[in-house]
Amino acid sequence: MCESCQDAEATFSCVTCTGDHGWCRPCMIKSHQSLPFHKIQLWIGKCFKDVTLADLGFIWYLGHGGKPCP
């Protein structure tokens, strides 16, 4: 169960974060949008697979307060 929303299956974990954590896709993106260099992994049934926030659809905006250019 996702530790943030408590509503979806926790299929993502972060090797960089301290402790044993599990998030669903939206909560992983939300919790790591300011930590883009953390090592994220996806549970694929038998093992974990390395993924990036970009693989999850996250776009890191560097200007305008983290929002897209106007």
N, C-alpha and C. Protein backbone atom coordinates (compact mmCIF):
# COMPACT_ATOMS: atom_id res chain seq x y z
N MET A 1 0.84 -1.17 0.00
CA MET A 1 0.00 0.00 0.00
C MET A 1 0.89 1.25 0.00
N CYS A 2 0.53 2.22 -0.79
CA CYS A 2 1.28 3.47 -0.89
C CYS A 2 1.28 4.17 0.47
N GLU A 3 2.46 4.57 0.92
CA GLU A 3 2.55 5.20 2.23
C GLU A 3 2.02 6.63 2.25
N SER A 4 1.87 7.26 1.08
CA SER A 4 1.38 8.63 1.04
C SER A 4 -0.14 8.70 0.94
N CYS A 5 -0.71 8.06 -0.07
CA CYS A 5 -2.15 8.17 -0.29
C CYS A 5 -2.95 7.05 0.38
N GLN A 6 -2.28 5.96 0.72
CA GLN A 6 -2.94 4.80 1.34
C GLN A 6 -4.07 4.25 0.48
N ASP A 7 -3.98 4.50 -0.85
CA ASP A 7 -5.09 4.14 -1.71
C ASP A 7 -4.69 3.22 -2.86
N ALA A 8 -3.40 3.16 -3.17
CA ALA A 8 -2.94 2.39 -4.33
C ALA A 8 -1.79 1.48 -3.93
N GLU A 9 -1.50 0.53 -4.80
CA GLU A 9 -0.41 -0.39 -4.56
C GLU A 9 0.93 0.33 -4.64
N ALA A 10 1.82 0.05 -3.70
CA ALA A 10 3.14 0.65 -3.67
C ALA A 10 4.08 -0.15 -4.57
N THR A 11 4.27 0.31 -5.79
CA THR A 11 5.12 -0.41 -6.74
C THR A 11 6.49 0.26 -6.92
N PHE A 12 6.68 1.43 -6.31
CA PHE A 12 7.95 2.15 -6.45
C PHE A 12 8.63 2.30 -5.10
N SER A 13 9.95 2.22 -5.12
CA SER A 13 10.74 2.47 -3.92
C SER A 13 11.93 3.33 -4.31
N CYS A 14 12.61 3.87 -3.31
CA CYS A 14 13.77 4.72 -3.55
C CYS A 14 14.94 4.17 -2.74
N VAL A 15 16.01 3.84 -3.43
CA VAL A 15 17.20 3.30 -2.78
C VAL A 15 17.91 4.39 -1.99
N THR A 16 17.83 5.62 -2.44
CA THR A 16 18.53 6.74 -1.82
C THR A 16 17.89 7.18 -0.51
N CYS A 17 16.58 7.12 -0.42
CA CYS A 17 15.88 7.54 0.79
C CYS A 17 16.19 6.57 1.94
N THR A 18 16.27 7.12 3.14
CA THR A 18 16.52 6.31 4.33
C THR A 18 15.24 5.61 4.75
N GLY A 19 15.33 4.34 5.09
CA GLY A 19 14.17 3.59 5.53
C GLY A 19 13.55 2.79 4.41
N ASP A 20 12.50 2.06 4.75
CA ASP A 20 11.80 1.21 3.81
C ASP A 20 10.51 1.91 3.38
N HIS A 21 10.50 2.45 2.17
CA HIS A 21 9.38 3.23 1.68
C HIS A 21 8.76 2.57 0.45
N GLY A 22 7.49 2.86 0.23
CA GLY A 22 6.80 2.39 -0.97
C GLY A 22 5.75 3.39 -1.40
N TRP A 23 5.74 3.71 -2.70
CA TRP A 23 4.80 4.70 -3.23
C TRP A 23 4.15 4.18 -4.50
N CYS A 24 2.97 4.72 -4.81
CA CYS A 24 2.37 4.53 -6.12
C CYS A 24 3.02 5.55 -7.06
N ARG A 25 2.73 5.46 -8.34
CA ARG A 25 3.37 6.34 -9.33
C ARG A 25 3.15 7.84 -9.05
N PRO A 26 1.89 8.30 -8.88
CA PRO A 26 1.69 9.74 -8.62
C PRO A 26 2.38 10.23 -7.35
N CYS A 27 2.32 9.43 -6.31
CA CYS A 27 2.95 9.84 -5.04
C CYS A 27 4.47 9.80 -5.13
N MET A 28 5.03 8.87 -5.89
CA MET A 28 6.48 8.85 -6.10
C MET A 28 6.93 10.13 -6.78
N ILE A 29 6.21 10.53 -7.83
CA ILE A 29 6.56 11.76 -8.54
C ILE A 29 6.44 12.96 -7.59
N LYS A 30 5.35 13.04 -6.87
CA LYS A 30 5.13 14.18 -5.97
C LYS A 30 6.19 14.24 -4.87
N SER A 31 6.54 13.10 -4.30
CA SER A 31 7.50 13.08 -3.19
C SER A 31 8.94 13.28 -3.65
N HIS A 32 9.21 13.08 -4.93
CA HIS A 32 10.58 13.19 -5.43
C HIS A 32 10.79 14.28 -6.48
N GLN A 33 9.82 15.15 -6.68
CA GLN A 33 9.98 16.17 -7.70
C GLN A 33 11.10 17.15 -7.38
N SER A 34 11.48 17.28 -6.12
CA SER A 34 12.62 18.12 -5.77
C SER A 34 13.86 17.28 -5.47
N LEU A 35 13.79 15.99 -5.75
CA LEU A 35 14.91 15.06 -5.52
C LEU A 35 15.17 14.24 -6.80
N PRO A 36 15.43 14.92 -7.92
CA PRO A 36 15.48 14.22 -9.20
C PRO A 36 16.65 13.25 -9.38
N PHE A 37 17.63 13.29 -8.48
CA PHE A 37 18.79 12.42 -8.65
C PHE A 37 18.75 11.20 -7.74
N HIS A 38 17.64 11.00 -7.04
CA HIS A 38 17.50 9.79 -6.23
C HIS A 38 17.32 8.58 -7.14
N LYS A 39 17.74 7.42 -6.64
CA LYS A 39 17.66 6.18 -7.42
C LYS A 39 16.32 5.50 -7.15
N ILE A 40 15.44 5.56 -8.14
CA ILE A 40 14.08 5.02 -8.01
C ILE A 40 14.01 3.65 -8.66
N GLN A 41 13.24 2.77 -8.04
CA GLN A 41 13.07 1.42 -8.59
C GLN A 41 11.59 1.06 -8.65
N LEU A 42 11.25 0.27 -9.66
CA LEU A 42 9.88 -0.21 -9.89
C LEU A 42 9.85 -1.72 -9.66
N TRP A 43 8.91 -2.18 -8.86
CA TRP A 43 8.72 -3.61 -8.65
C TRP A 43 8.01 -4.19 -9.87
N ILE A 44 8.63 -5.18 -10.52
CA ILE A 44 8.05 -5.76 -11.73
C ILE A 44 7.60 -7.21 -11.52
N GLY A 45 7.32 -7.56 -10.29
CA GLY A 45 6.77 -8.88 -10.00
C GLY A 45 7.75 -9.83 -9.34
N LYS A 46 8.98 -9.88 -9.84
CA LYS A 46 10.00 -10.77 -9.27
C LYS A 46 11.18 -10.00 -8.71
N CYS A 47 11.39 -8.80 -9.20
CA CYS A 47 12.53 -8.00 -8.78
C CYS A 47 12.25 -6.53 -9.07
N PHE A 48 13.19 -5.68 -8.63
CA PHE A 48 13.08 -4.26 -8.90
C PHE A 48 13.85 -3.89 -10.16
N LYS A 49 13.32 -2.92 -10.90
CA LYS A 49 13.95 -2.41 -12.11
C LYS A 49 14.22 -0.92 -11.89
N ASP A 50 15.43 -0.47 -12.23
CA ASP A 50 15.78 0.94 -12.10
C ASP A 50 14.97 1.77 -13.10
N VAL A 51 14.39 2.87 -12.61
CA VAL A 51 13.65 3.81 -13.45
C VAL A 51 14.03 5.23 -13.03
N THR A 52 13.67 6.20 -13.85
CA THR A 52 13.91 7.60 -13.51
C THR A 52 12.57 8.32 -13.41
N LEU A 53 12.60 9.52 -12.85
CA LEU A 53 11.38 10.33 -12.83
C LEU A 53 10.92 10.63 -14.25
N ALA A 54 11.87 10.81 -15.16
CA ALA A 54 11.52 11.05 -16.56
C ALA A 54 10.77 9.85 -17.15
N ASP A 55 11.18 8.65 -16.78
CA ASP A 55 10.47 7.44 -17.23
C ASP A 55 9.01 7.45 -16.75
N LEU A 56 8.78 8.11 -15.61
CA LEU A 56 7.44 8.17 -15.03
C LEU A 56 6.63 9.34 -15.57
N GLY A 57 7.24 10.12 -16.46
CA GLY A 57 6.54 11.24 -17.08
C GLY A 57 6.78 12.59 -16.43
N PHE A 58 7.69 12.64 -15.46
CA PHE A 58 7.97 13.90 -14.79
C PHE A 58 8.85 14.79 -15.67
N ILE A 59 8.48 16.06 -15.78
CA ILE A 59 9.29 17.05 -16.49
C ILE A 59 9.80 18.04 -15.46
N TRP A 60 11.11 18.21 -15.41
CA TRP A 60 11.74 19.08 -14.42
C TRP A 60 11.92 20.46 -15.02
N TYR A 61 11.07 21.40 -14.61
CA TYR A 61 11.16 22.78 -15.09
C TYR A 61 12.14 23.54 -14.21
N LEU A 62 13.13 24.16 -14.84
CA LEU A 62 14.18 24.81 -14.08
C LEU A 62 13.90 26.28 -13.77
N GLY A 63 13.02 26.90 -14.51
CA GLY A 63 12.73 28.32 -14.28
C GLY A 63 11.28 28.53 -13.90
N HIS A 64 10.93 29.76 -13.65
CA HIS A 64 9.55 30.16 -13.38
C HIS A 64 8.94 29.44 -12.19
N GLY A 65 9.74 29.25 -11.14
CA GLY A 65 9.22 28.63 -9.92
C GLY A 65 8.82 27.18 -10.09
N GLY A 66 9.48 26.47 -10.99
CA GLY A 66 9.17 25.06 -11.22
C GLY A 66 7.98 24.82 -12.13
N LYS A 67 7.52 25.87 -12.79
CA LYS A 67 6.38 25.76 -13.70
C LYS A 67 6.86 25.95 -15.13
N PRO A 68 6.09 25.50 -16.11
CA PRO A 68 6.47 25.68 -17.52
C PRO A 68 6.62 27.15 -17.90
N CYS A 69 7.42 27.40 -18.91
CA CYS A 69 7.58 28.76 -19.41
C CYS A 69 6.23 29.29 -19.91
N PRO A 70 5.95 30.58 -19.63
CA PRO A 70 4.67 31.14 -20.07
C PRO A 70 4.60 31.27 -21.58
